[in-house]
Amino acid sequence: MDNQALPLPDVAEALGIKYTRVRQLVADHKLVTFRDDRGILKVPAGCLIEEEGRMRPLPDLRGTVLTLLDAGFSEDEAYAWLTSTHPALGEVPLELLRSGAHKRVNRQARAEAF
């Protein structure tokens, strides 16, 4: 996964959807966001995958985000948890989700609640 991040209008273009639909994906926790140094809301490129020639949100991301929020994380804390190397996992959780290891990531996310 690269370190790129896309502003929301670029996410809309990549997904082939309207900007308002991207805002809904963010509200539904199907995408995570952060504000860059200039205050622009962005989505890490790793939250998007290409399947059958089309870009779409990473399918397992929402479940992990909701697990973290249920554990008491703020949205900013959930973003940081997903995009930083996690000591117990030894890797970046978002990269693990992209590789299909969602059960491992979600197990660790649930453990964070206790």
PDB file of N, CA and C in Angstrom:
ATOM      1  N   MET A   1       0.854  -1.181   0.000  1.00  0.00           N
ATOM      2  CA  MET A   1       0.000   0.000   0.000  1.00  0.00           C
ATOM      3  C   MET A   1       0.893   1.234   0.000  1.00  0.00           C
ATOM      4  N   ASP A   2       0.526   2.192  -0.820  1.00  0.00           N
ATOM      5  CA  ASP A   2       1.332   3.406  -0.832  1.00  0.00           C
ATOM      6  C   ASP A   2       0.827   4.389   0.221  1.00  0.00           C
ATOM      7  N   ASN A   3       1.572   5.463   0.390  1.00  0.00           N
ATOM      8  CA  ASN A   3       1.237   6.445   1.420  1.00  0.00           C
ATOM      9  C   ASN A   3       0.357   7.568   0.888  1.00  0.00           C
ATOM     10  N   GLN A   4      -0.196   7.406  -0.287  1.00  0.00           N
ATOM     11  CA  GLN A   4      -1.003   8.462  -0.869  1.00  0.00           C
ATOM     12  C   GLN A   4      -2.351   8.575  -0.182  1.00  0.00           C
ATOM     13  N   ALA A   5      -2.887   9.767  -0.259  1.00  0.00           N
ATOM     14  CA  ALA A   5      -4.229  10.031   0.242  1.00  0.00           C
ATOM     15  C   ALA A   5      -4.930  10.920  -0.774  1.00  0.00           C
ATOM     16  N   LEU A   6      -6.221  10.737  -0.875  1.00  0.00           N
ATOM     17  CA  LEU A   6      -7.002  11.450  -1.870  1.00  0.00           C
ATOM     18  C   LEU A   6      -8.024  12.370  -1.216  1.00  0.00           C
ATOM     19  N   PRO A   7      -8.142  13.609  -1.704  1.00  0.00           N
ATOM     20  CA  PRO A   7      -9.235  14.453  -1.227  1.00  0.00           C
ATOM     21  C   PRO A   7     -10.564  13.847  -1.697  1.00  0.00           C
ATOM     22  N   LEU A   8     -11.641  14.177  -1.009  1.00  0.00           N
ATOM     23  CA  LEU A   8     -12.928  13.550  -1.294  1.00  0.00           C
ATOM     24  C   LEU A   8     -13.388  13.694  -2.743  1.00  0.00           C
ATOM     25  N   PRO A   9     -13.194  14.847  -3.408  1.00  0.00           N
ATOM     26  CA  PRO A   9     -13.595  14.908  -4.819  1.00  0.00           C
ATOM     27  C   PRO A   9     -12.845  13.892  -5.690  1.00  0.00           C
ATOM     28  N   ASP A  10     -11.573  13.636  -5.375  1.00  0.00           N
ATOM     29  CA  ASP A  10     -10.802  12.647  -6.130  1.00  0.00           C
ATOM     30  C   ASP A  10     -11.284  11.230  -5.837  1.00  0.00           C
ATOM     31  N   VAL A  11     -11.731  10.990  -4.606  1.00  0.00           N
ATOM     32  CA  VAL A  11     -12.303   9.682  -4.263  1.00  0.00           C
ATOM     33  C   VAL A  11     -13.572   9.468  -5.079  1.00  0.00           C
ATOM     34  N   ALA A  12     -14.401  10.498  -5.175  1.00  0.00           N
ATOM     35  CA  ALA A  12     -15.631  10.404  -5.969  1.00  0.00           C
ATOM     36  C   ALA A  12     -15.305  10.052  -7.417  1.00  0.00           C
ATOM     37  N   GLU A  13     -14.299  10.709  -7.962  1.00  0.00           N
ATOM     38  CA  GLU A  13     -13.904  10.435  -9.343  1.00  0.00           C
ATOM     39  C   GLU A  13     -13.380   9.012  -9.489  1.00  0.00           C
ATOM     40  N   ALA A  14     -12.538   8.576  -8.552  1.00  0.00           N
ATOM     41  CA  ALA A  14     -11.973   7.222  -8.619  1.00  0.00           C
ATOM     42  C   ALA A  14     -13.059   6.154  -8.542  1.00  0.00           C
ATOM     43  N   LEU A  15     -14.073   6.412  -7.722  1.00  0.00           N
ATOM     44  CA  LEU A  15     -15.154   5.441  -7.553  1.00  0.00           C
ATOM     45  C   LEU A  15     -16.247   5.596  -8.604  1.00  0.00           C
ATOM     46  N   GLY A  16     -16.226   6.696  -9.336  1.00  0.00           N
ATOM     47  CA  GLY A  16     -17.254   6.941 -10.340  1.00  0.00           C
ATOM     48  C   GLY A  16     -18.605   7.266  -9.728  1.00  0.00           C
ATOM     49  N   ILE A  17     -18.582   7.986  -8.596  1.00  0.00           N
ATOM     50  CA  ILE A  17     -19.818   8.339  -7.898  1.00  0.00           C
ATOM     51  C   ILE A  17     -19.822   9.830  -7.585  1.00  0.00           C
ATOM     52  N   LYS A  18     -20.963  10.323  -7.134  1.00  0.00           N
ATOM     53  CA  LYS A  18     -21.071  11.734  -6.767  1.00  0.00           C
ATOM     54  C   LYS A  18     -20.372  11.996  -5.436  1.00  0.00           C
ATOM     55  N   TYR A  19     -19.947  13.247  -5.269  1.00  0.00           N
ATOM     56  CA  TYR A  19     -19.287  13.675  -4.036  1.00  0.00           C
ATOM     57  C   TYR A  19     -20.170  13.403  -2.819  1.00  0.00           C
ATOM     58  N   THR A  20     -21.459  13.655  -2.942  1.00  0.00           N
ATOM     59  CA  THR A  20     -22.366  13.438  -1.808  1.00  0.00           C
ATOM     60  C   THR A  20     -22.398  11.969  -1.400  1.00  0.00           C
ATOM     61  N   ARG A  21     -22.226  11.076  -2.347  1.00  0.00           N
ATOM     62  CA  ARG A  21     -22.190   9.642  -2.033  1.00  0.00           C
ATOM     63  C   ARG A  21     -20.908   9.310  -1.266  1.00  0.00           C
ATOM     64  N   VAL A  22     -19.803   9.956  -1.596  1.00  0.00           N
ATOM     65  CA  VAL A  22     -18.555   9.754  -0.848  1.00  0.00           C
ATOM     66  C   VAL A  22     -18.754  10.209   0.590  1.00  0.00           C
ATOM     67  N   ARG A  23     -19.400  11.358   0.779  1.00  0.00           N
ATOM     68  CA  ARG A  23     -19.673  11.836   2.144  1.00  0.00           C
ATOM     69  C   ARG A  23     -20.504  10.806   2.911  1.00  0.00           C
ATOM     70  N   GLN A  24     -21.441  10.150   2.232  1.00  0.00           N
ATOM     71  CA  GLN A  24     -22.256   9.126   2.880  1.00  0.00           C
ATOM     72  C   GLN A  24     -21.410   7.904   3.234  1.00  0.00           C
ATOM     73  N   LEU A  25     -20.489   7.514   2.361  1.00  0.00           N
ATOM     74  CA  LEU A  25     -19.588   6.396   2.661  1.00  0.00           C
ATOM     75  C   LEU A  25     -18.748   6.700   3.898  1.00  0.00           C
ATOM     76  N   VAL A  26     -18.318   7.945   4.032  1.00  0.00           N
ATOM     77  CA  VAL A  26     -17.557   8.360   5.216  1.00  0.00           C
ATOM     78  C   VAL A  26     -18.454   8.288   6.448  1.00  0.00           C
ATOM     79  N   ALA A  27     -19.665   8.817   6.346  1.00  0.00           N
ATOM     80  CA  ALA A  27     -20.602   8.799   7.480  1.00  0.00           C
ATOM     81  C   ALA A  27     -20.955   7.374   7.897  1.00  0.00           C
ATOM     82  N   ASP A  28     -20.999   6.465   6.919  1.00  0.00           N
ATOM     83  CA  ASP A  28     -21.320   5.057   7.186  1.00  0.00           C
ATOM     84  C   ASP A  28     -20.098   4.251   7.629  1.00  0.00           C
ATOM     85  N   HIS A  29     -18.954   4.912   7.756  1.00  0.00           N
ATOM     86  CA  HIS A  29     -17.696   4.290   8.185  1.00  0.00           C
ATOM     87  C   HIS A  29     -17.182   3.257   7.184  1.00  0.00           C
ATOM     88  N   LYS A  30     -17.531   3.432   5.925  1.00  0.00           N
ATOM     89  CA  LYS A  30     -17.002   2.568   4.876  1.00  0.00           C
ATOM     90  C   LYS A  30     -15.682   3.114   4.341  1.00  0.00           C
ATOM     91  N   LEU A  31     -15.375   4.358   4.717  1.00  0.00           N
ATOM     92  CA  LEU A  31     -14.095   4.997   4.425  1.00  0.00           C
ATOM     93  C   LEU A  31     -13.658   5.746   5.673  1.00  0.00           C
ATOM     94  N   VAL A  32     -12.357   5.808   5.917  1.00  0.00           N
ATOM     95  CA  VAL A  32     -11.839   6.622   7.018  1.00  0.00           C
ATOM     96  C   VAL A  32     -11.181   7.858   6.419  1.00  0.00           C
ATOM     97  N   THR A  33     -11.172   8.924   7.195  1.00  0.00           N
ATOM     98  CA  THR A  33     -10.620  10.187   6.717  1.00  0.00           C
ATOM     99  C   THR A  33      -9.701  10.807   7.756  1.00  0.00           C
ATOM    100  N   PHE A  34      -8.931  11.763   7.292  1.00  0.00           N
ATOM    101  CA  PHE A  34      -8.106  12.592   8.166  1.00  0.00           C
ATOM    102  C   PHE A  34      -7.959  13.945   7.489  1.00  0.00           C
ATOM    103  N   ARG A  35      -7.557  14.930   8.249  1.00  0.00           N
ATOM    104  CA  ARG A  35      -7.300  16.262   7.684  1.00  0.00           C
ATOM    105  C   ARG A  35      -5.794  16.448   7.528  1.00  0.00           C
ATOM    106  N   ASP A  36      -5.390  16.887   6.345  1.00  0.00           N
ATOM    107  CA  ASP A  36      -3.965  17.126   6.107  1.00  0.00           C
ATOM    108  C   ASP A  36      -3.550  18.459   6.737  1.00  0.00           C
ATOM    109  N   ASP A  37      -2.306  18.851   6.511  1.00  0.00           N
ATOM    110  CA  ASP A  37      -1.761  20.073   7.110  1.00  0.00           C
ATOM    111  C   ASP A  37      -2.542  21.328   6.728  1.00  0.00           C
ATOM    112  N   ARG A  38      -3.208  21.284   5.595  1.00  0.00           N
ATOM    113  CA  ARG A  38      -3.987  22.438   5.131  1.00  0.00           C
ATOM    114  C   ARG A  38      -5.464  22.327   5.513  1.00  0.00           C
ATOM    115  N   GLY A  39      -5.810  21.273   6.252  1.00  0.00           N
ATOM    116  CA  GLY A  39      -7.192  21.098   6.686  1.00  0.00           C
ATOM    117  C   GLY A  39      -8.090  20.410   5.678  1.00  0.00           C
ATOM    118  N   ILE A  40      -7.499  19.871   4.621  1.00  0.00           N
ATOM    119  CA  ILE A  40      -8.284  19.197   3.587  1.00  0.00           C
ATOM    120  C   ILE A  40      -8.584  17.771   4.037  1.00  0.00           C
ATOM    121  N   LEU A  41      -9.847  17.394   3.974  1.00  0.00           N
ATOM    122  CA  LEU A  41     -10.277  16.057   4.355  1.00  0.00           C
ATOM    123  C   LEU A  41      -9.857  15.069   3.272  1.00  0.00           C
ATOM    124  N   LYS A  42      -9.144  14.015   3.683  1.00  0.00           N
ATOM    125  CA  LYS A  42      -8.612  13.040   2.728  1.00  0.00           C
ATOM    126  C   LYS A  42      -8.888  11.617   3.186  1.00  0.00           C
ATOM    127  N   VAL A  43      -8.855  10.715   2.217  1.00  0.00           N
ATOM    128  CA  VAL A  43      -9.015   9.280   2.442  1.00  0.00           C
ATOM    129  C   VAL A  43      -7.700   8.608   2.058  1.00  0.00           C
ATOM    130  N   PRO A  44      -7.134   7.760   2.936  1.00  0.00           N
ATOM    131  CA  PRO A  44      -5.940   7.021   2.539  1.00  0.00           C
ATOM    132  C   PRO A  44      -6.249   6.153   1.312  1.00  0.00           C
ATOM    133  N   ALA A  45      -5.359   6.164   0.334  1.00  0.00           N
ATOM    134  CA  ALA A  45      -5.573   5.378  -0.878  1.00  0.00           C
ATOM    135  C   ALA A  45      -5.758   3.897  -0.557  1.00  0.00           C
ATOM    136  N   GLY A  46      -5.192   3.434   0.544  1.00  0.00           N
ATOM    137  CA  GLY A  46      -5.328   2.040   0.943  1.00  0.00           C
ATOM    138  C   GLY A  46      -6.738   1.630   1.302  1.00  0.00           C
ATOM    139  N   CYS A  47      -7.634   2.599   1.461  1.00  0.00           N
ATOM    140  CA  CYS A  47      -9.045   2.299   1.751  1.00  0.00           C
ATOM    141  C   CYS A  47      -9.813   1.912   0.497  1.00  0.00           C
ATOM    142  N   LEU A  48      -9.159   2.053  -0.664  1.00  0.00           N
ATOM    143  CA  LEU A  48      -9.792   1.727  -1.935  1.00  0.00           C
ATOM    144  C   LEU A  48      -9.078   0.548  -2.570  1.00  0.00           C
ATOM    145  N   ILE A  49      -9.851  -0.327  -3.186  1.00  0.00           N
ATOM    146  CA  ILE A  49      -9.263  -1.453  -3.904  1.00  0.00           C
ATOM    147  C   ILE A  49      -9.853  -1.510  -5.307  1.00  0.00           C
ATOM    148  N   GLU A  50      -9.129  -2.157  -6.192  1.00  0.00           N
ATOM    149  CA  GLU A  50      -9.629  -2.345  -7.549  1.00  0.00           C
ATOM    150  C   GLU A  50     -10.091  -3.782  -7.693  1.00  0.00           C
ATOM    151  N   GLU A  51     -11.323  -3.937  -8.125  1.00  0.00           N
ATOM    152  CA  GLU A  51     -11.881  -5.263  -8.393  1.00  0.00           C
ATOM    153  C   GLU A  51     -12.602  -5.213  -9.727  1.00  0.00           C
ATOM    154  N   GLU A  52     -12.282  -6.151 -10.587  1.00  0.00           N
ATOM    155  CA  GLU A  52     -12.920  -6.247 -11.896  1.00  0.00           C
ATOM    156  C   GLU A  52     -12.842  -4.930 -12.655  1.00  0.00           C
ATOM    157  N   GLY A  53     -11.688  -4.271 -12.545  1.00  0.00           N
ATOM    158  CA  GLY A  53     -11.454  -3.040 -13.277  1.00  0.00           C
ATOM    159  C   GLY A  53     -12.115  -1.803 -12.707  1.00  0.00           C
ATOM    160  N   ARG A  54     -12.712  -1.920 -11.525  1.00  0.00           N
ATOM    161  CA  ARG A  54     -13.383  -0.777 -10.896  1.00  0.00           C
ATOM    162  C   ARG A  54     -12.851  -0.576  -9.491  1.00  0.00           C
ATOM    163  N   MET A  55     -12.782   0.676  -9.084  1.00  0.00           N
ATOM    164  CA  MET A  55     -12.378   0.988  -7.716  1.00  0.00           C
ATOM    165  C   MET A  55     -13.597   0.914  -6.814  1.00  0.00           C
ATOM    166  N   ARG A  56     -13.363   0.454  -5.576  1.00  0.00           N
ATOM    167  CA  ARG A  56     -14.434   0.425  -4.583  1.00  0.00           C
ATOM    168  C   ARG A  56     -13.825   0.478  -3.195  1.00  0.00           C
ATOM    169  N   PRO A  57     -14.639   0.808  -2.180  1.00  0.00           N
ATOM    170  CA  PRO A  57     -14.112   0.828  -0.814  1.00  0.00           C
ATOM    171  C   PRO A  57     -13.683  -0.575  -0.377  1.00  0.00           C
ATOM    172  N   LEU A  58     -12.659  -0.640   0.424  1.00  0.00           N
ATOM    173  CA  LEU A  58     -12.180  -1.899   0.989  1.00  0.00           C
ATOM    174  C   LEU A  58     -13.318  -2.538   1.786  1.00  0.00           C
ATOM    175  N   PRO A  59     -13.777  -3.736   1.401  1.00  0.00           N
ATOM    176  CA  PRO A  59     -14.983  -4.310   2.001  1.00  0.00           C
ATOM    177  C   PRO A  59     -14.930  -4.528   3.512  1.00  0.00           C
ATOM    178  N   ASP A  60     -13.812  -4.934   4.051  1.00  0.00           N
ATOM    179  CA  ASP A  60     -13.740  -5.281   5.474  1.00  0.00           C
ATOM    180  C   ASP A  60     -13.434  -4.093   6.380  1.00  0.00           C
ATOM    181  N   LEU A  61     -13.257  -2.922   5.807  1.00  0.00           N
ATOM    182  CA  LEU A  61     -12.888  -1.753   6.604  1.00  0.00           C
ATOM    183  C   LEU A  61     -13.983  -1.348   7.583  1.00  0.00           C
ATOM    184  N   ARG A  62     -15.221  -1.321   7.138  1.00  0.00           N
ATOM    185  CA  ARG A  62     -16.325  -0.842   7.977  1.00  0.00           C
ATOM    186  C   ARG A  62     -16.437  -1.636   9.277  1.00  0.00           C
ATOM    187  N   GLY A  63     -16.361  -2.956   9.195  1.00  0.00           N
ATOM    188  CA  GLY A  63     -16.479  -3.780  10.396  1.00  0.00           C
ATOM    189  C   GLY A  63     -15.396  -3.471  11.411  1.00  0.00           C
ATOM    190  N   THR A  64     -14.193  -3.266  10.931  1.00  0.00           N
ATOM    191  CA  THR A  64     -13.089  -2.942  11.829  1.00  0.00           C
ATOM    192  C   THR A  64     -13.278  -1.559  12.446  1.00  0.00           C
ATOM    193  N   VAL A  65     -13.678  -0.592  11.636  1.00  0.00           N
ATOM    194  CA  VAL A  65     -13.906   0.763  12.156  1.00  0.00           C
ATOM    195  C   VAL A  65     -14.997   0.740  13.224  1.00  0.00           C
ATOM    196  N   LEU A  66     -16.098   0.050  12.959  1.00  0.00           N
ATOM    197  CA  LEU A  66     -17.185  -0.017  13.942  1.00  0.00           C
ATOM    198  C   LEU A  66     -16.737  -0.710  15.222  1.00  0.00           C
ATOM    199  N   THR A  67     -15.918  -1.735  15.098  1.00  0.00           N
ATOM    200  CA  THR A  67     -15.384  -2.415  16.279  1.00  0.00           C
ATOM    201  C   THR A  67     -14.559  -1.447  17.119  1.00  0.00           C
ATOM    202  N   LEU A  68     -13.715  -0.657  16.473  1.00  0.00           N
ATOM    203  CA  LEU A  68     -12.890   0.319  17.192  1.00  0.00           C
ATOM    204  C   LEU A  68     -13.750   1.401  17.845  1.00  0.00           C
ATOM    205  N   LEU A  69     -14.740   1.890  17.126  1.00  0.00           N
ATOM    206  CA  LEU A  69     -15.623   2.913  17.694  1.00  0.00           C
ATOM    207  C   LEU A  69     -16.393   2.357  18.885  1.00  0.00           C
ATOM    208  N   ASP A  70     -16.858   1.117  18.768  1.00  0.00           N
ATOM    209  CA  ASP A  70     -17.564   0.472  19.883  1.00  0.00           C
ATOM    210  C   ASP A  70     -16.650   0.283  21.090  1.00  0.00           C
ATOM    211  N   ALA A  71     -15.344   0.164  20.827  1.00  0.00           N
ATOM    212  CA  ALA A  71     -14.371  -0.005  21.908  1.00  0.00           C
ATOM    213  C   ALA A  71     -14.026   1.328  22.573  1.00  0.00           C
ATOM    214  N   GLY A  72     -14.608   2.412  22.083  1.00  0.00           N
ATOM    215  CA  GLY A  72     -14.379   3.713  22.701  1.00  0.00           C
ATOM    216  C   GLY A  72     -13.406   4.614  21.961  1.00  0.00           C
ATOM    217  N   PHE A  73     -12.913   4.176  20.811  1.00  0.00           N
ATOM    218  CA  PHE A  73     -12.007   5.003  20.020  1.00  0.00           C
ATOM    219  C   PHE A  73     -12.783   6.157  19.394  1.00  0.00           C
ATOM    220  N   SER A  74     -12.146   7.309  19.277  1.00  0.00           N
ATOM    221  CA  SER A  74     -12.718   8.393  18.478  1.00  0.00           C
ATOM    222  C   SER A  74     -12.433   8.061  17.010  1.00  0.00           C
ATOM    223  N   GLU A  75     -13.037   8.801  16.102  1.00  0.00           N
ATOM    224  CA  GLU A  75     -12.767   8.553  14.685  1.00  0.00           C
ATOM    225  C   GLU A  75     -11.302   8.833  14.354  1.00  0.00           C
ATOM    226  N   ASP A  76     -10.723   9.864  14.956  1.00  0.00           N
ATOM    227  CA  ASP A  76      -9.302  10.158  14.728  1.00  0.00           C
ATOM    228  C   ASP A  76      -8.417   9.043  15.276  1.00  0.00           C
ATOM    229  N   GLU A  77      -8.769   8.517  16.447  1.00  0.00           N
ATOM    230  CA  GLU A  77      -8.000   7.417  17.035  1.00  0.00           C
ATOM    231  C   GLU A  77      -8.131   6.153  16.192  1.00  0.00           C
ATOM    232  N   ALA A  78      -9.313   5.898  15.656  1.00  0.00           N
ATOM    233  CA  ALA A  78      -9.508   4.726  14.793  1.00  0.00           C
ATOM    234  C   ALA A  78      -8.654   4.858  13.532  1.00  0.00           C
ATOM    235  N   TYR A  79      -8.618   6.067  12.946  1.00  0.00           N
ATOM    236  CA  TYR A  79      -7.776   6.302  11.776  1.00  0.00           C
ATOM    237  C   TYR A  79      -6.309   6.018  12.109  1.00  0.00           C
ATOM    238  N   ALA A  80      -5.840   6.555  13.235  1.00  0.00           N
ATOM    239  CA  ALA A  80      -4.444   6.355  13.634  1.00  0.00           C
ATOM    240  C   ALA A  80      -4.153   4.874  13.864  1.00  0.00           C
ATOM    241  N   TRP A  81      -5.073   4.163  14.497  1.00  0.00           N
ATOM    242  CA  TRP A  81      -4.890   2.732  14.771  1.00  0.00           C
ATOM    243  C   TRP A  81      -4.775   1.960  13.465  1.00  0.00           C
ATOM    244  N   LEU A  82      -5.606   2.293  12.505  1.00  0.00           N
ATOM    245  CA  LEU A  82      -5.627   1.578  11.225  1.00  0.00           C
ATOM    246  C   LEU A  82      -4.404   1.847  10.365  1.00  0.00           C
ATOM    247  N   THR A  83      -3.797   3.011  10.505  1.00  0.00           N
ATOM    248  CA  THR A  83      -2.740   3.417   9.573  1.00  0.00           C
ATOM    249  C   THR A  83      -1.340   3.422  10.171  1.00  0.00           C
ATOM    250  N   SER A  84      -1.207   2.958  11.400  1.00  0.00           N
ATOM    251  CA  SER A  84       0.108   2.898  12.056  1.00  0.00           C
ATOM    252  C   SER A  84       0.459   1.450  12.359  1.00  0.00           C
ATOM    253  N   THR A  85       1.739   1.159  12.376  1.00  0.00           N
ATOM    254  CA  THR A  85       2.160  -0.192  12.742  1.00  0.00           C
ATOM    255  C   THR A  85       1.688  -0.488  14.158  1.00  0.00           C
ATOM    256  N   HIS A  86       1.002  -1.600  14.309  1.00  0.00           N
ATOM    257  CA  HIS A  86       0.453  -1.980  15.610  1.00  0.00           C
ATOM    258  C   HIS A  86       1.392  -2.993  16.256  1.00  0.00           C
ATOM    259  N   PRO A  87       1.806  -2.756  17.506  1.00  0.00           N
ATOM    260  CA  PRO A  87       2.770  -3.647  18.150  1.00  0.00           C
ATOM    261  C   PRO A  87       2.319  -5.109  18.198  1.00  0.00           C
ATOM    262  N   ALA A  88       1.072  -5.354  18.532  1.00  0.00           N
ATOM    263  CA  ALA A  88       0.601  -6.738  18.657  1.00  0.00           C
ATOM    264  C   ALA A  88       0.469  -7.426  17.307  1.00  0.00           C
ATOM    265  N   LEU A  89       0.231  -6.658  16.259  1.00  0.00           N
ATOM    266  CA  LEU A  89       0.087  -7.235  14.925  1.00  0.00           C
ATOM    267  C   LEU A  89       1.410  -7.254  14.167  1.00  0.00           C
ATOM    268  N   GLY A  90       2.306  -6.355  14.542  1.00  0.00           N
ATOM    269  CA  GLY A  90       3.589  -6.268  13.859  1.00  0.00           C
ATOM    270  C   GLY A  90       3.496  -5.661  12.468  1.00  0.00           C
ATOM    271  N   GLU A  91       2.334  -5.187  12.117  1.00  0.00           N
ATOM    272  CA  GLU A  91       2.102  -4.600  10.799  1.00  0.00           C
ATOM    273  C   GLU A  91       1.061  -3.497  10.915  1.00  0.00           C
ATOM    274  N   VAL A  92       0.826  -2.832   9.805  1.00  0.00           N
ATOM    275  CA  VAL A  92      -0.203  -1.795   9.734  1.00  0.00           C
ATOM    276  C   VAL A  92      -1.550  -2.483   9.497  1.00  0.00           C
ATOM    277  N   PRO A  93      -2.529  -2.283  10.379  1.00  0.00           N
ATOM    278  CA  PRO A  93      -3.816  -2.963  10.222  1.00  0.00           C
ATOM    279  C   PRO A  93      -4.474  -2.762   8.854  1.00  0.00           C
ATOM    280  N   LEU A  94      -4.406  -1.563   8.284  1.00  0.00           N
ATOM    281  CA  LEU A  94      -5.014  -1.331   6.977  1.00  0.00           C
ATOM    282  C   LEU A  94      -4.374  -2.212   5.909  1.00  0.00           C
ATOM    283  N   GLU A  95      -3.066  -2.402   5.986  1.00  0.00           N
ATOM    284  CA  GLU A  95      -2.381  -3.280   5.036  1.00  0.00           C
ATOM    285  C   GLU A  95      -2.832  -4.727   5.222  1.00  0.00           C
ATOM    286  N   LEU A  96      -3.013  -5.134   6.477  1.00  0.00           N
ATOM    287  CA  LEU A  96      -3.501  -6.488   6.742  1.00  0.00           C
ATOM    288  C   LEU A  96      -4.915  -6.677   6.203  1.00  0.00           C
ATOM    289  N   LEU A  97      -5.766  -5.675   6.370  1.00  0.00           N
ATOM    290  CA  LEU A  97      -7.120  -5.764   5.809  1.00  0.00           C
ATOM    291  C   LEU A  97      -7.061  -5.924   4.295  1.00  0.00           C
ATOM    292  N   ARG A  98      -6.175  -5.192   3.661  1.00  0.00           N
ATOM    293  CA  ARG A  98      -6.038  -5.286   2.197  1.00  0.00           C
ATOM    294  C   ARG A  98      -5.561  -6.667   1.768  1.00  0.00           C
ATOM    295  N   SER A  99      -4.809  -7.337   2.632  1.00  0.00           N
ATOM    296  CA  SER A  99      -4.299  -8.668   2.283  1.00  0.00           C
ATOM    297  C   SER A  99      -5.282  -9.780   2.636  1.00  0.00           C
ATOM    298  N   GLY A 100      -6.436  -9.416   3.204  1.00  0.00           N
ATOM    299  CA  GLY A 100      -7.450 -10.416   3.521  1.00  0.00           C
ATOM    300  C   GLY A 100      -7.415 -10.927   4.944  1.00  0.00           C
ATOM    301  N   ALA A 101      -6.579 -10.345   5.792  1.00  0.00           N
ATOM    302  CA  ALA A 101      -6.442 -10.818   7.178  1.00  0.00           C
ATOM    303  C   ALA A 101      -7.394 -10.077   8.115  1.00  0.00           C
ATOM    304  N   HIS A 102      -8.653  -9.893   7.685  1.00  0.00           N
ATOM    305  CA  HIS A 102      -9.593  -9.114   8.494  1.00  0.00           C
ATOM    306  C   HIS A 102      -9.924  -9.775   9.822  1.00  0.00           C
ATOM    307  N   LYS A 103      -9.938 -11.089   9.875  1.00  0.00           N
ATOM    308  CA  LYS A 103     -10.244 -11.759  11.150  1.00  0.00           C
ATOM    309  C   LYS A 103      -9.164 -11.456  12.185  1.00  0.00           C
ATOM    310  N   ARG A 104      -7.924 -11.496  11.753  1.00  0.00           N
ATOM    311  CA  ARG A 104      -6.803 -11.193  12.659  1.00  0.00           C
ATOM    312  C   ARG A 104      -6.879  -9.745  13.153  1.00  0.00           C
ATOM    313  N   VAL A 105      -7.154  -8.834  12.238  1.00  0.00           N
ATOM    314  CA  VAL A 105      -7.246  -7.416  12.594  1.00  0.00           C
ATOM    315  C   VAL A 105      -8.426  -7.179  13.530  1.00  0.00           C
ATOM    316  N   ASN A 106      -9.570  -7.762  13.212  1.00  0.00           N
ATOM    317  CA  ASN A 106     -10.758  -7.552  14.046  1.00  0.00           C
ATOM    318  C   ASN A 106     -10.605  -8.176  15.423  1.00  0.00           C
ATOM    319  N   ARG A 107      -9.917  -9.294  15.500  1.00  0.00           N
ATOM    320  CA  ARG A 107      -9.640  -9.911  16.806  1.00  0.00           C
ATOM    321  C   ARG A 107      -8.845  -8.943  17.680  1.00  0.00           C
ATOM    322  N   GLN A 108      -7.830  -8.321  17.084  1.00  0.00           N
ATOM    323  CA  GLN A 108      -7.018  -7.361  17.833  1.00  0.00           C
ATOM    324  C   GLN A 108      -7.827  -6.115  18.177  1.00  0.00           C
ATOM    325  N   ALA A 109      -8.664  -5.670  17.259  1.00  0.00           N
ATOM    326  CA  ALA A 109      -9.504  -4.499  17.531  1.00  0.00           C
ATOM    327  C   ALA A 109     -10.446  -4.784  18.699  1.00  0.00           C
ATOM    328  N   ARG A 110     -11.023  -5.976  18.740  1.00  0.00           N
ATOM    329  CA  ARG A 110     -11.899  -6.346  19.865  1.00  0.00           C
ATOM    330  C   ARG A 110     -11.111  -6.397  21.163  1.00  0.00           C
ATOM    331  N   ALA A 111      -9.878  -6.878  21.105  1.00  0.00           N
ATOM    332  CA  ALA A 111      -9.041  -6.962  22.306  1.00  0.00           C
ATOM    333  C   ALA A 111      -8.737  -5.573  22.869  1.00  0.00           C
ATOM    334  N   GLU A 112      -8.745  -4.557  22.016  1.00  0.00           N
ATOM    335  CA  GLU A 112      -8.470  -3.190  22.461  1.00  0.00           C
ATOM    336  C   GLU A 112      -9.552  -2.688  23.413  1.00  0.00           C
ATOM    337  N   ALA A 113     -10.724  -3.296  23.371  1.00  0.00           N
ATOM    338  CA  ALA A 113     -11.845  -2.853  24.209  1.00  0.00           C
ATOM    339  C   ALA A 113     -11.670  -3.283  25.657  1.00  0.00           C
ATOM    340  N   PHE A 114     -10.796  -4.233  25.897  1.00  0.00           N
ATOM    341  CA  PHE A 114     -10.683  -4.783  27.259  1.00  0.00           C
ATOM    342  C   PHE A 114      -9.344  -4.504  27.885  1.00  0.00           C
TER     343      PHE A 114
END
